[in-house]
């Protein structure tokens, strides 16, 4: 058993040693040799220096999807993925193939498309 103390010195909560909360309490605030605080996932061995990244990562374990598209209802655990999704609802296609002039919403789609032209030059 593990007990935490309030600032007044009284017991506030008791945790079983297998508890995820115990793991979080024991590793919270640990610093690296460089003095930077590391955040640790309570579900696996993932660590990061950024609180927002650990929050997003832990949502991958819980299935929480708080970011929701107001057009179609698509939901995700990461705000960046929602922003990437939102462009699917627009006609804006800023990435253009210089060989056939086909346009794309995302640069990675243009890069994949460029592979189709490689077979023309092999």
PDB file of N, CA and C in Angstrom:
ATOM      1  N   UNK A   1       0.845  -1.192   0.000  1.00  0.00           N
ATOM      2  CA  UNK A   1       0.000   0.000   0.000  1.00  0.00           C
ATOM      3  C   UNK A   1       0.879   1.240   0.000  1.00  0.00           C
ATOM      4  N   UNK A   2       0.367   2.285  -0.600  1.00  0.00           N
ATOM      5  CA  UNK A   2       1.099   3.534  -0.713  1.00  0.00           C
ATOM      6  C   UNK A   2       0.156   4.651  -0.315  1.00  0.00           C
ATOM      7  N   UNK A   3       0.582   5.555   0.560  1.00  0.00           N
ATOM      8  CA  UNK A   3      -0.273   6.631   1.016  1.00  0.00           C
ATOM      9  C   UNK A   3       0.350   7.968   0.635  1.00  0.00           C
ATOM     10  N   UNK A   4      -0.507   8.910   0.241  1.00  0.00           N
ATOM     11  CA  UNK A   4      -0.024  10.251  -0.054  1.00  0.00           C
ATOM     12  C   UNK A   4      -0.409  11.162   1.102  1.00  0.00           C
ATOM     13  N   UNK A   5       0.291  12.261   1.245  1.00  0.00           N
ATOM     14  CA  UNK A   5       0.053  13.179   2.340  1.00  0.00           C
ATOM     15  C   UNK A   5      -0.396  14.524   1.805  1.00  0.00           C
ATOM     16  N   UNK A   6      -1.281  15.174   2.535  1.00  0.00           N
ATOM     17  CA  UNK A   6      -1.678  16.534   2.199  1.00  0.00           C
ATOM     18  C   UNK A   6      -0.639  17.482   2.781  1.00  0.00           C
ATOM     19  N   UNK A   7      -0.647  18.744   2.400  1.00  0.00           N
ATOM     20  CA  UNK A   7       0.322  19.692   2.968  1.00  0.00           C
ATOM     21  C   UNK A   7       0.223  19.796   4.484  1.00  0.00           C
ATOM     22  N   UNK A   8      -0.943  19.498   5.060  1.00  0.00           N
ATOM     23  CA  UNK A   8      -1.107  19.578   6.500  1.00  0.00           C
ATOM     24  C   UNK A   8      -0.565  18.331   7.202  1.00  0.00           C
ATOM     25  N   UNK A   9      -0.122  17.314   6.432  1.00  0.00           N
ATOM     26  CA  UNK A   9       0.465  16.136   7.026  1.00  0.00           C
ATOM     27  C   UNK A   9      -0.504  14.986   7.238  1.00  0.00           C
ATOM     28  N   UNK A  10      -1.760  15.143   6.868  1.00  0.00           N
ATOM     29  CA  UNK A  10      -2.705  14.039   7.061  1.00  0.00           C
ATOM     30  C   UNK A  10      -2.760  13.170   5.796  1.00  0.00           C
ATOM     31  N   UNK A  11      -3.182  11.928   5.965  1.00  0.00           N
ATOM     32  CA  UNK A  11      -3.316  11.029   4.815  1.00  0.00           C
ATOM     33  C   UNK A  11      -4.473  11.488   3.950  1.00  0.00           C
ATOM     34  N   UNK A  12      -4.282  11.461   2.628  1.00  0.00           N
ATOM     35  CA  UNK A  12      -5.360  11.868   1.734  1.00  0.00           C
ATOM     36  C   UNK A  12      -5.887  10.712   0.898  1.00  0.00           C
ATOM     37  N   UNK A  13      -5.030   9.841   0.393  1.00  0.00           N
ATOM     38  CA  UNK A  13      -5.469   8.736  -0.444  1.00  0.00           C
ATOM     39  C   UNK A  13      -4.545   7.543  -0.223  1.00  0.00           C
ATOM     40  N   UNK A  14      -5.075   6.369  -0.441  1.00  0.00           N
ATOM     41  CA  UNK A  14      -4.296   5.150  -0.338  1.00  0.00           C
ATOM     42  C   UNK A  14      -4.390   4.417  -1.666  1.00  0.00           C
ATOM     43  N   UNK A  15      -3.255   3.961  -2.179  1.00  0.00           N
ATOM     44  CA  UNK A  15      -3.212   3.282  -3.464  1.00  0.00           C
ATOM     45  C   UNK A  15      -2.618   1.904  -3.310  1.00  0.00           C
ATOM     46  N   UNK A  16      -3.153   0.952  -4.018  1.00  0.00           N
ATOM     47  CA  UNK A  16      -2.567  -0.373  -4.098  1.00  0.00           C
ATOM     48  C   UNK A  16      -1.270  -0.254  -4.895  1.00  0.00           C
ATOM     49  N   UNK A  17      -0.275  -1.077  -4.618  1.00  0.00           N
ATOM     50  CA  UNK A  17       1.024  -0.954  -5.275  1.00  0.00           C
ATOM     51  C   UNK A  17       0.954  -1.227  -6.775  1.00  0.00           C
ATOM     52  N   UNK A  18      -0.091  -1.884  -7.257  1.00  0.00           N
ATOM     53  CA  UNK A  18      -0.212  -2.145  -8.691  1.00  0.00           C
ATOM     54  C   UNK A  18      -0.950  -1.026  -9.416  1.00  0.00           C
ATOM     55  N   UNK A  19      -1.372  -0.029  -8.696  1.00  0.00           N
ATOM     56  CA  UNK A  19      -2.179   1.050  -9.254  1.00  0.00           C
ATOM     57  C   UNK A  19      -1.403   1.898 -10.265  1.00  0.00           C
ATOM     58  N   UNK A  20      -2.101   2.298 -11.340  1.00  0.00           N
ATOM     59  CA  UNK A  20      -1.506   3.211 -12.321  1.00  0.00           C
ATOM     60  C   UNK A  20      -1.229   4.570 -11.677  1.00  0.00           C
ATOM     61  N   UNK A  21      -2.077   4.959 -10.724  1.00  0.00           N
ATOM     62  CA  UNK A  21      -1.868   6.222 -10.041  1.00  0.00           C
ATOM     63  C   UNK A  21      -0.566   6.187  -9.263  1.00  0.00           C
ATOM     64  N   UNK A  22      -0.251   5.058  -8.655  1.00  0.00           N
ATOM     65  CA  UNK A  22       1.009   4.924  -7.940  1.00  0.00           C
ATOM     66  C   UNK A  22       2.176   5.155  -8.891  1.00  0.00           C
ATOM     67  N   UNK A  23       2.109   4.546 -10.074  1.00  0.00           N
ATOM     68  CA  UNK A  23       3.180   4.727 -11.054  1.00  0.00           C
ATOM     69  C   UNK A  23       3.336   6.198 -11.391  1.00  0.00           C
ATOM     70  N   UNK A  24       2.214   6.885 -11.615  1.00  0.00           N
ATOM     71  CA  UNK A  24       2.269   8.311 -11.954  1.00  0.00           C
ATOM     72  C   UNK A  24       2.871   9.105 -10.808  1.00  0.00           C
ATOM     73  N   UNK A  25       2.503   8.802  -9.562  1.00  0.00           N
ATOM     74  CA  UNK A  25       3.040   9.533  -8.418  1.00  0.00           C
ATOM     75  C   UNK A  25       4.541   9.312  -8.264  1.00  0.00           C
ATOM     76  N   UNK A  26       4.979   8.096  -8.486  1.00  0.00           N
ATOM     77  CA  UNK A  26       6.387   7.781  -8.285  1.00  0.00           C
ATOM     78  C   UNK A  26       7.280   8.410  -9.350  1.00  0.00           C
ATOM     79  N   UNK A  27       6.762   8.555 -10.587  1.00  0.00           N
ATOM     80  CA  UNK A  27       7.609   9.082 -11.651  1.00  0.00           C
ATOM     81  C   UNK A  27       7.350  10.551 -11.949  1.00  0.00           C
ATOM     82  N   UNK A  28       6.296  11.107 -11.385  1.00  0.00           N
ATOM     83  CA  UNK A  28       5.981  12.515 -11.647  1.00  0.00           C
ATOM     84  C   UNK A  28       7.129  13.397 -11.178  1.00  0.00           C
ATOM     85  N   UNK A  29       7.530  14.296 -12.037  1.00  0.00           N
ATOM     86  CA  UNK A  29       8.543  15.254 -11.654  1.00  0.00           C
ATOM     87  C   UNK A  29       9.965  14.762 -11.715  1.00  0.00           C
ATOM     88  N   UNK A  30      10.200  13.529 -12.152  1.00  0.00           N
ATOM     89  CA  UNK A  30      11.584  13.072 -12.273  1.00  0.00           C
ATOM     90  C   UNK A  30      12.265  13.861 -13.379  1.00  0.00           C
ATOM     91  N   UNK A  31      13.496  14.190 -13.164  1.00  0.00           N
ATOM     92  CA  UNK A  31      14.243  14.974 -14.138  1.00  0.00           C
ATOM     93  C   UNK A  31      15.369  14.143 -14.732  1.00  0.00           C
ATOM     94  N   UNK A  32      15.772  14.521 -15.924  1.00  0.00           N
ATOM     95  CA  UNK A  32      16.897  13.866 -16.561  1.00  0.00           C
ATOM     96  C   UNK A  32      18.177  14.497 -16.041  1.00  0.00           C
ATOM     97  N   UNK A  33      19.300  13.965 -16.467  1.00  0.00           N
ATOM     98  CA  UNK A  33      20.579  14.523 -16.025  1.00  0.00           C
ATOM     99  C   UNK A  33      20.752  15.956 -16.522  1.00  0.00           C
ATOM    100  N   UNK A  34      20.039  16.323 -17.589  1.00  0.00           N
ATOM    101  CA  UNK A  34      20.133  17.700 -18.095  1.00  0.00           C
ATOM    102  C   UNK A  34      19.243  18.647 -17.302  1.00  0.00           C
ATOM    103  N   UNK A  35      18.445  18.103 -16.376  1.00  0.00           N
ATOM    104  CA  UNK A  35      17.582  18.945 -15.569  1.00  0.00           C
ATOM    105  C   UNK A  35      16.208  19.156 -16.161  1.00  0.00           C
ATOM    106  N   UNK A  36      15.942  18.606 -17.340  1.00  0.00           N
ATOM    107  CA  UNK A  36      14.634  18.756 -17.968  1.00  0.00           C
ATOM    108  C   UNK A  36      13.670  17.717 -17.408  1.00  0.00           C
ATOM    109  N   UNK A  37      12.446  18.133 -17.150  1.00  0.00           N
ATOM    110  CA  UNK A  37      11.430  17.237 -16.613  1.00  0.00           C
ATOM    111  C   UNK A  37      10.916  16.331 -17.730  1.00  0.00           C
ATOM    112  N   UNK A  38      10.815  15.046 -17.431  1.00  0.00           N
ATOM    113  CA  UNK A  38      10.270  14.090 -18.382  1.00  0.00           C
ATOM    114  C   UNK A  38       8.885  13.673 -17.937  1.00  0.00           C
ATOM    115  N   UNK A  39       8.002  13.458 -18.904  1.00  0.00           N
ATOM    116  CA  UNK A  39       6.661  12.957 -18.632  1.00  0.00           C
ATOM    117  C   UNK A  39       6.609  11.510 -19.093  1.00  0.00           C
ATOM    118  N   UNK A  40       6.000  10.647 -18.265  1.00  0.00           N
ATOM    119  CA  UNK A  40       5.963   9.217 -18.525  1.00  0.00           C
ATOM    120  C   UNK A  40       4.530   8.747 -18.703  1.00  0.00           C
ATOM    121  N   UNK A  41       4.294   7.919 -19.692  1.00  0.00           N
ATOM    122  CA  UNK A  41       2.977   7.330 -19.917  1.00  0.00           C
ATOM    123  C   UNK A  41       2.663   6.374 -18.772  1.00  0.00           C
ATOM    124  N   UNK A  42       1.427   6.428 -18.288  1.00  0.00           N
ATOM    125  CA  UNK A  42       1.033   5.528 -17.200  1.00  0.00           C
ATOM    126  C   UNK A  42       0.650   4.145 -17.719  1.00  0.00           C
ATOM    127  N   UNK A  43       0.592   3.973 -19.038  1.00  0.00           N
ATOM    128  CA  UNK A  43       0.193   2.692 -19.626  1.00  0.00           C
ATOM    129  C   UNK A  43       1.354   1.916 -20.246  1.00  0.00           C
ATOM    130  N   UNK A  44       2.422   2.610 -20.621  1.00  0.00           N
ATOM    131  CA  UNK A  44       3.563   1.939 -21.266  1.00  0.00           C
ATOM    132  C   UNK A  44       4.855   2.687 -20.916  1.00  0.00           C
ATOM    133  N   UNK A  45       5.931   2.378 -21.596  1.00  0.00           N
ATOM    134  CA  UNK A  45       7.239   2.973 -21.282  1.00  0.00           C
ATOM    135  C   UNK A  45       7.545   4.262 -22.049  1.00  0.00           C
ATOM    136  N   UNK A  46       6.579   4.811 -22.772  1.00  0.00           N
ATOM    137  CA  UNK A  46       6.796   6.029 -23.549  1.00  0.00           C
ATOM    138  C   UNK A  46       7.110   7.204 -22.623  1.00  0.00           C
ATOM    139  N   UNK A  47       8.106   8.010 -23.006  1.00  0.00           N
ATOM    140  CA  UNK A  47       8.443   9.228 -22.266  1.00  0.00           C
ATOM    141  C   UNK A  47       8.650  10.368 -23.245  1.00  0.00           C
ATOM    142  N   UNK A  48       8.425  11.587 -22.763  1.00  0.00           N
ATOM    143  CA  UNK A  48       8.625  12.782 -23.568  1.00  0.00           C
ATOM    144  C   UNK A  48       8.900  13.959 -22.640  1.00  0.00           C
ATOM    145  N   UNK A  49       9.424  15.027 -23.185  1.00  0.00           N
ATOM    146  CA  UNK A  49       9.661  16.245 -22.421  1.00  0.00           C
ATOM    147  C   UNK A  49       8.457  17.187 -22.470  1.00  0.00           C
ATOM    148  N   UNK A  50       7.416  16.828 -23.240  1.00  0.00           N
ATOM    149  CA  UNK A  50       6.294  17.733 -23.463  1.00  0.00           C
ATOM    150  C   UNK A  50       4.997  17.168 -22.904  1.00  0.00           C
ATOM    151  N   UNK A  51       4.350  17.932 -22.037  1.00  0.00           N
ATOM    152  CA  UNK A  51       3.108  17.496 -21.404  1.00  0.00           C
ATOM    153  C   UNK A  51       2.025  17.236 -22.454  1.00  0.00           C
ATOM    154  N   UNK A  52       1.915  18.093 -23.458  1.00  0.00           N
ATOM    155  CA  UNK A  52       0.877  17.919 -24.478  1.00  0.00           C
ATOM    156  C   UNK A  52       1.064  16.608 -25.250  1.00  0.00           C
ATOM    157  N   UNK A  53       2.323  16.219 -25.467  1.00  0.00           N
ATOM    158  CA  UNK A  53       2.573  14.965 -26.176  1.00  0.00           C
ATOM    159  C   UNK A  53       2.195  13.753 -25.334  1.00  0.00           C
ATOM    160  N   UNK A  54       2.436  13.817 -24.035  1.00  0.00           N
ATOM    161  CA  UNK A  54       2.070  12.676 -23.189  1.00  0.00           C
ATOM    162  C   UNK A  54       0.553  12.575 -23.084  1.00  0.00           C
ATOM    163  N   UNK A  55      -0.128  13.714 -23.046  1.00  0.00           N
ATOM    164  CA  UNK A  55      -1.593  13.692 -22.998  1.00  0.00           C
ATOM    165  C   UNK A  55      -2.163  13.070 -24.265  1.00  0.00           C
ATOM    166  N   UNK A  56      -1.639  13.478 -25.419  1.00  0.00           N
ATOM    167  CA  UNK A  56      -2.109  12.908 -26.685  1.00  0.00           C
ATOM    168  C   UNK A  56      -1.772  11.427 -26.771  1.00  0.00           C
ATOM    169  N   UNK A  57      -0.581  11.051 -26.330  1.00  0.00           N
ATOM    170  CA  UNK A  57      -0.171   9.648 -26.371  1.00  0.00           C
ATOM    171  C   UNK A  57      -1.073   8.790 -25.489  1.00  0.00           C
ATOM    172  N   UNK A  58      -1.355   9.239 -24.284  1.00  0.00           N
ATOM    173  CA  UNK A  58      -2.191   8.456 -23.377  1.00  0.00           C
ATOM    174  C   UNK A  58      -3.603   8.283 -23.922  1.00  0.00           C
ATOM    175  N   UNK A  59      -4.075   9.247 -24.722  1.00  0.00           N
ATOM    176  CA  UNK A  59      -5.390   9.086 -25.362  1.00  0.00           C
ATOM    177  C   UNK A  59      -5.383   7.921 -26.345  1.00  0.00           C
ATOM    178  N   UNK A  60      -4.216   7.575 -26.889  1.00  0.00           N
ATOM    179  CA  UNK A  60      -4.145   6.419 -27.785  1.00  0.00           C
ATOM    180  C   UNK A  60      -4.414   5.122 -27.019  1.00  0.00           C
ATOM    181  N   UNK A  61      -4.163   5.121 -25.716  1.00  0.00           N
ATOM    182  CA  UNK A  61      -4.446   3.950 -24.891  1.00  0.00           C
ATOM    183  C   UNK A  61      -5.905   3.927 -24.446  1.00  0.00           C
ATOM    184  N   UNK A  62      -6.459   5.090 -24.135  1.00  0.00           N
ATOM    185  CA  UNK A  62      -7.811   5.150 -23.579  1.00  0.00           C
ATOM    186  C   UNK A  62      -8.895   5.178 -24.640  1.00  0.00           C
ATOM    187  N   UNK A  63      -8.529   5.580 -25.864  1.00  0.00           N
ATOM    188  CA  UNK A  63      -9.529   5.694 -26.922  1.00  0.00           C
ATOM    189  C   UNK A  63     -10.291   7.007 -26.899  1.00  0.00           C
ATOM    190  N   UNK A  64      -9.919   7.899 -25.994  1.00  0.00           N
ATOM    191  CA  UNK A  64     -10.570   9.214 -25.930  1.00  0.00           C
ATOM    192  C   UNK A  64     -10.302   9.964 -27.230  1.00  0.00           C
ATOM    193  N   UNK A  65     -11.351  10.580 -27.814  1.00  0.00           N
ATOM    194  CA  UNK A  65     -11.238  11.313 -29.067  1.00  0.00           C
ATOM    195  C   UNK A  65     -11.959  12.659 -28.927  1.00  0.00           C
ATOM    196  N   UNK A  66     -11.325  13.617 -28.248  1.00  0.00           N
ATOM    197  CA  UNK A  66     -12.014  14.872 -27.940  1.00  0.00           C
ATOM    198  C   UNK A  66     -12.091  15.876 -29.089  1.00  0.00           C
ATOM    199  N   UNK A  67     -11.349  15.659 -30.163  1.00  0.00           N
ATOM    200  CA  UNK A  67     -11.345  16.621 -31.269  1.00  0.00           C
ATOM    201  C   UNK A  67     -12.282  16.109 -32.362  1.00  0.00           C
ATOM    202  N   UNK A  68     -13.373  16.850 -32.604  1.00  0.00           N
ATOM    203  CA  UNK A  68     -14.447  16.386 -33.479  1.00  0.00           C
ATOM    204  C   UNK A  68     -14.663  17.373 -34.624  1.00  0.00           C
ATOM    205  N   UNK A  69     -14.776  16.847 -35.840  1.00  0.00           N
ATOM    206  CA  UNK A  69     -15.065  17.660 -37.023  1.00  0.00           C
ATOM    207  C   UNK A  69     -16.518  18.124 -36.960  1.00  0.00           C
ATOM    208  N   UNK A  70     -16.735  19.419 -37.110  1.00  0.00           N
ATOM    209  CA  UNK A  70     -18.092  19.953 -37.048  1.00  0.00           C
ATOM    210  C   UNK A  70     -18.846  19.772 -38.364  1.00  0.00           C
ATOM    211  N   UNK A  71     -18.180  19.238 -39.403  1.00  0.00           N
ATOM    212  CA  UNK A  71     -18.831  19.007 -40.688  1.00  0.00           C
ATOM    213  C   UNK A  71     -19.367  17.581 -40.784  1.00  0.00           C
ATOM    214  N   UNK A  72     -18.521  16.594 -40.465  1.00  0.00           N
ATOM    215  CA  UNK A  72     -18.915  15.195 -40.674  1.00  0.00           C
ATOM    216  C   UNK A  72     -18.915  14.335 -39.421  1.00  0.00           C
ATOM    217  N   UNK A  73     -18.405  14.856 -38.301  1.00  0.00           N
ATOM    218  CA  UNK A  73     -18.391  14.093 -37.062  1.00  0.00           C
ATOM    219  C   UNK A  73     -17.157  13.242 -36.842  1.00  0.00           C
ATOM    220  N   UNK A  74     -16.207  13.257 -37.773  1.00  0.00           N
ATOM    221  CA  UNK A  74     -14.942  12.544 -37.581  1.00  0.00           C
ATOM    222  C   UNK A  74     -14.331  12.996 -36.264  1.00  0.00           C
ATOM    223  N   UNK A  75     -13.776  12.066 -35.498  1.00  0.00           N
ATOM    224  CA  UNK A  75     -13.133  12.439 -34.238  1.00  0.00           C
ATOM    225  C   UNK A  75     -11.769  11.782 -34.131  1.00  0.00           C
ATOM    226  N   UNK A  76     -10.892  12.434 -33.367  1.00  0.00           N
ATOM    227  CA  UNK A  76      -9.522  11.963 -33.209  1.00  0.00           C
ATOM    228  C   UNK A  76      -8.986  12.394 -31.850  1.00  0.00           C
ATOM    229  N   UNK A  77      -7.902  11.792 -31.451  1.00  0.00           N
ATOM    230  CA  UNK A  77      -7.269  12.132 -30.186  1.00  0.00           C
ATOM    231  C   UNK A  77      -6.232  13.232 -30.295  1.00  0.00           C
ATOM    232  N   UNK A  78      -5.949  13.675 -31.521  1.00  0.00           N
ATOM    233  CA  UNK A  78      -4.917  14.703 -31.721  1.00  0.00           C
ATOM    234  C   UNK A  78      -5.466  15.872 -32.539  1.00  0.00           C
ATOM    235  N   UNK A  79      -5.210  17.076 -32.069  1.00  0.00           N
ATOM    236  CA  UNK A  79      -5.691  18.272 -32.759  1.00  0.00           C
ATOM    237  C   UNK A  79      -5.075  18.400 -34.150  1.00  0.00           C
ATOM    238  N   UNK A  80      -3.809  18.017 -34.282  1.00  0.00           N
ATOM    239  CA  UNK A  80      -3.150  18.116 -35.590  1.00  0.00           C
ATOM    240  C   UNK A  80      -3.824  17.209 -36.613  1.00  0.00           C
ATOM    241  N   UNK A  81      -4.310  16.044 -36.181  1.00  0.00           N
ATOM    242  CA  UNK A  81      -4.997  15.147 -37.107  1.00  0.00           C
ATOM    243  C   UNK A  81      -6.341  15.733 -37.524  1.00  0.00           C
ATOM    244  N   UNK A  82      -7.025  16.420 -36.601  1.00  0.00           N
ATOM    245  CA  UNK A  82      -8.282  17.065 -36.963  1.00  0.00           C
ATOM    246  C   UNK A  82      -8.024  18.178 -37.984  1.00  0.00           C
ATOM    247  N   UNK A  83      -6.994  18.981 -37.754  1.00  0.00           N
ATOM    248  CA  UNK A  83      -6.673  20.053 -38.704  1.00  0.00           C
ATOM    249  C   UNK A  83      -6.353  19.483 -40.080  1.00  0.00           C
ATOM    250  N   UNK A  84      -5.632  18.377 -40.115  1.00  0.00           N
ATOM    251  CA  UNK A  84      -5.307  17.724 -41.381  1.00  0.00           C
ATOM    252  C   UNK A  84      -6.584  17.215 -42.059  1.00  0.00           C
ATOM    253  N   UNK A  85      -7.511  16.688 -41.271  1.00  0.00           N
ATOM    254  CA  UNK A  85      -8.774  16.182 -41.808  1.00  0.00           C
ATOM    255  C   UNK A  85      -9.638  17.308 -42.376  1.00  0.00           C
ATOM    256  N   UNK A  86      -9.652  18.453 -41.703  1.00  0.00           N
ATOM    257  CA  UNK A  86     -10.552  19.539 -42.103  1.00  0.00           C
ATOM    258  C   UNK A  86     -10.340  19.991 -43.543  1.00  0.00           C
ATOM    259  N   UNK A  87      -9.123  19.862 -44.059  1.00  0.00           N
ATOM    260  CA  UNK A  87      -8.902  20.290 -45.445  1.00  0.00           C
ATOM    261  C   UNK A  87      -9.593  19.375 -46.458  1.00  0.00           C
ATOM    262  N   UNK A  88     -10.053  18.198 -46.022  1.00  0.00           N
ATOM    263  CA  UNK A  88     -10.785  17.327 -46.952  1.00  0.00           C
ATOM    264  C   UNK A  88     -12.142  17.921 -47.306  1.00  0.00           C
ATOM    265  N   UNK A  89     -12.614  18.878 -46.513  1.00  0.00           N
ATOM    266  CA  UNK A  89     -13.918  19.503 -46.768  1.00  0.00           C
ATOM    267  C   UNK A  89     -13.785  20.779 -47.597  1.00  0.00           C
ATOM    268  N   UNK A  90     -12.617  21.053 -48.140  1.00  0.00           N
ATOM    269  CA  UNK A  90     -12.413  22.256 -48.951  1.00  0.00           C
ATOM    270  C   UNK A  90     -11.995  21.853 -50.370  1.00  0.00           C
ATOM    271  N   UNK A  91     -12.031  22.807 -51.266  1.00  0.00           N
ATOM    272  CA  UNK A  91     -11.546  22.580 -52.631  1.00  0.00           C
ATOM    273  C   UNK A  91     -10.134  23.116 -52.818  1.00  0.00           C
ATOM    274  N   UNK A  92      -9.536  23.598 -51.764  1.00  0.00           N
ATOM    275  CA  UNK A  92      -8.192  24.176 -51.823  1.00  0.00           C
ATOM    276  C   UNK A  92      -7.167  23.071 -52.072  1.00  0.00           C
ATOM    277  N   UNK A  93      -6.446  23.161 -53.192  1.00  0.00           N
ATOM    278  CA  UNK A  93      -5.432  22.164 -53.563  1.00  0.00           C
ATOM    279  C   UNK A  93      -4.151  22.901 -53.962  1.00  0.00           C
ATOM    280  N   UNK A  94      -3.343  23.275 -52.982  1.00  0.00           N
ATOM    281  CA  UNK A  94      -2.179  24.110 -53.262  1.00  0.00           C
ATOM    282  C   UNK A  94      -0.970  23.368 -53.839  1.00  0.00           C
ATOM    283  N   UNK A  95      -0.963  22.033 -53.827  1.00  0.00           N
ATOM    284  CA  UNK A  95       0.205  21.267 -54.265  1.00  0.00           C
ATOM    285  C   UNK A  95      -0.040  20.735 -55.680  1.00  0.00           C
ATOM    286  N   UNK A  96       0.837  21.133 -56.603  1.00  0.00           N
ATOM    287  CA  UNK A  96       0.623  20.824 -58.015  1.00  0.00           C
ATOM    288  C   UNK A  96       1.779  20.000 -58.590  1.00  0.00           C
ATOM    289  N   UNK A  97       1.429  18.959 -59.326  1.00  0.00           N
ATOM    290  CA  UNK A  97       2.422  18.157 -60.023  1.00  0.00           C
ATOM    291  C   UNK A  97       2.953  18.964 -61.211  1.00  0.00           C
ATOM    292  N   UNK A  98       4.269  19.076 -61.306  1.00  0.00           N
ATOM    293  CA  UNK A  98       4.882  19.853 -62.384  1.00  0.00           C
ATOM    294  C   UNK A  98       4.942  19.091 -63.703  1.00  0.00           C
ATOM    295  N   UNK A  99       4.581  17.805 -63.685  1.00  0.00           N
ATOM    296  CA  UNK A  99       4.602  17.000 -64.903  1.00  0.00           C
ATOM    297  C   UNK A  99       3.234  16.893 -65.570  1.00  0.00           C
ATOM    298  N   UNK A 100       2.183  16.698 -64.781  1.00  0.00           N
ATOM    299  CA  UNK A 100       0.843  16.540 -65.372  1.00  0.00           C
ATOM    300  C   UNK A 100      -0.150  17.573 -64.859  1.00  0.00           C
ATOM    301  N   UNK A 101       0.262  18.410 -63.934  1.00  0.00           N
ATOM    302  CA  UNK A 101      -0.521  19.513 -63.381  1.00  0.00           C
ATOM    303  C   UNK A 101      -1.735  19.085 -62.553  1.00  0.00           C
ATOM    304  N   UNK A 102      -1.750  17.841 -62.117  1.00  0.00           N
ATOM    305  CA  UNK A 102      -2.775  17.398 -61.185  1.00  0.00           C
ATOM    306  C   UNK A 102      -2.506  18.062 -59.842  1.00  0.00           C
ATOM    307  N   UNK A 103      -3.583  18.447 -59.147  1.00  0.00           N
ATOM    308  CA  UNK A 103      -3.437  19.191 -57.896  1.00  0.00           C
ATOM    309  C   UNK A 103      -3.858  18.338 -56.705  1.00  0.00           C
ATOM    310  N   UNK A 104      -3.229  18.639 -55.542  1.00  0.00           N
ATOM    311  CA  UNK A 104      -3.460  17.864 -54.329  1.00  0.00           C
ATOM    312  C   UNK A 104      -3.629  18.780 -53.126  1.00  0.00           C
ATOM    313  N   UNK A 105      -4.395  18.305 -52.160  1.00  0.00           N
ATOM    314  CA  UNK A 105      -4.595  19.073 -50.921  1.00  0.00           C
ATOM    315  C   UNK A 105      -3.374  19.005 -50.017  1.00  0.00           C
ATOM    316  N   UNK A 106      -2.707  17.862 -50.041  1.00  0.00           N
ATOM    317  CA  UNK A 106      -1.579  17.644 -49.126  1.00  0.00           C
ATOM    318  C   UNK A 106      -0.313  17.309 -49.910  1.00  0.00           C
ATOM    319  N   UNK A 107       0.818  17.757 -49.370  1.00  0.00           N
ATOM    320  CA  UNK A 107       2.099  17.525 -50.043  1.00  0.00           C
ATOM    321  C   UNK A 107       2.464  16.040 -50.071  1.00  0.00           C
ATOM    322  N   UNK A 108       2.082  15.277 -49.035  1.00  0.00           N
ATOM    323  CA  UNK A 108       2.421  13.851 -49.040  1.00  0.00           C
ATOM    324  C   UNK A 108       1.669  13.110 -50.142  1.00  0.00           C
ATOM    325  N   UNK A 109       0.459  13.578 -50.478  1.00  0.00           N
ATOM    326  CA  UNK A 109      -0.269  12.960 -51.591  1.00  0.00           C
ATOM    327  C   UNK A 109       0.409  13.270 -52.927  1.00  0.00           C
ATOM    328  N   UNK A 110       0.939  14.466 -53.067  1.00  0.00           N
ATOM    329  CA  UNK A 110       1.697  14.812 -54.266  1.00  0.00           C
ATOM    330  C   UNK A 110       2.951  13.946 -54.371  1.00  0.00           C
ATOM    331  N   UNK A 111       3.633  13.738 -53.265  1.00  0.00           N
ATOM    332  CA  UNK A 111       4.835  12.901 -53.287  1.00  0.00           C
ATOM    333  C   UNK A 111       4.516  11.478 -53.726  1.00  0.00           C
ATOM    334  N   UNK A 112       3.419  10.927 -53.227  1.00  0.00           N
ATOM    335  CA  UNK A 112       3.007   9.579 -53.638  1.00  0.00           C
ATOM    336  C   UNK A 112       2.658   9.569 -55.132  1.00  0.00           C
ATOM    337  N   UNK A 113       1.989  10.606 -55.590  1.00  0.00           N
ATOM    338  CA  UNK A 113       1.628  10.720 -57.002  1.00  0.00           C
ATOM    339  C   UNK A 113       2.871  10.759 -57.887  1.00  0.00           C
ATOM    340  N   UNK A 114       3.910  11.438 -57.440  1.00  0.00           N
ATOM    341  CA  UNK A 114       5.122  11.556 -58.237  1.00  0.00           C
ATOM    342  C   UNK A 114       5.750  10.186 -58.522  1.00  0.00           C
ATOM    343  N   UNK A 115       5.503   9.224 -57.666  1.00  0.00           N
ATOM    344  CA  UNK A 115       6.006   7.874 -57.893  1.00  0.00           C
ATOM    345  C   UNK A 115       5.377   7.253 -59.145  1.00  0.00           C
ATOM    346  N   UNK A 116       4.156   7.664 -59.486  1.00  0.00           N
ATOM    347  CA  UNK A 116       3.518   7.115 -60.694  1.00  0.00           C
ATOM    348  C   UNK A 116       4.230   7.603 -61.951  1.00  0.00           C
ATOM    349  N   UNK A 117       4.893   8.729 -61.889  1.00  0.00           N
ATOM    350  CA  UNK A 117       5.638   9.232 -63.034  1.00  0.00           C
ATOM    351  C   UNK A 117       6.995   8.556 -63.188  1.00  0.00           C
ATOM    352  N   UNK A 118       7.531   7.981 -62.119  1.00  0.00           N
ATOM    353  CA  UNK A 118       8.844   7.329 -62.202  1.00  0.00           C
ATOM    354  C   UNK A 118       8.819   6.178 -63.186  1.00  0.00           C
ATOM    355  N   UNK A 119       7.736   5.437 -63.255  1.00  0.00           N
ATOM    356  CA  UNK A 119       7.677   4.303 -64.166  1.00  0.00           C
ATOM    357  C   UNK A 119       7.751   4.769 -65.626  1.00  0.00           C
ATOM    358  N   UNK A 120       7.345   6.011 -65.891  1.00  0.00           N
ATOM    359  CA  UNK A 120       7.417   6.560 -67.244  1.00  0.00           C
ATOM    360  C   UNK A 120       8.858   6.810 -67.687  1.00  0.00           C
ATOM    361  N   UNK A 121       9.768   6.962 -66.700  1.00  0.00           N
ATOM    362  CA  UNK A 121      11.154   7.310 -67.032  1.00  0.00           C
ATOM    363  C   UNK A 121      12.132   6.170 -66.785  1.00  0.00           C
ATOM    364  N   UNK A 122      11.645   5.004 -66.366  1.00  0.00           N
ATOM    365  CA  UNK A 122      12.547   3.860 -66.131  1.00  0.00           C
ATOM    366  C   UNK A 122      12.826   3.093 -67.391  1.00  0.00           C
TER     367      UNK A 122
END
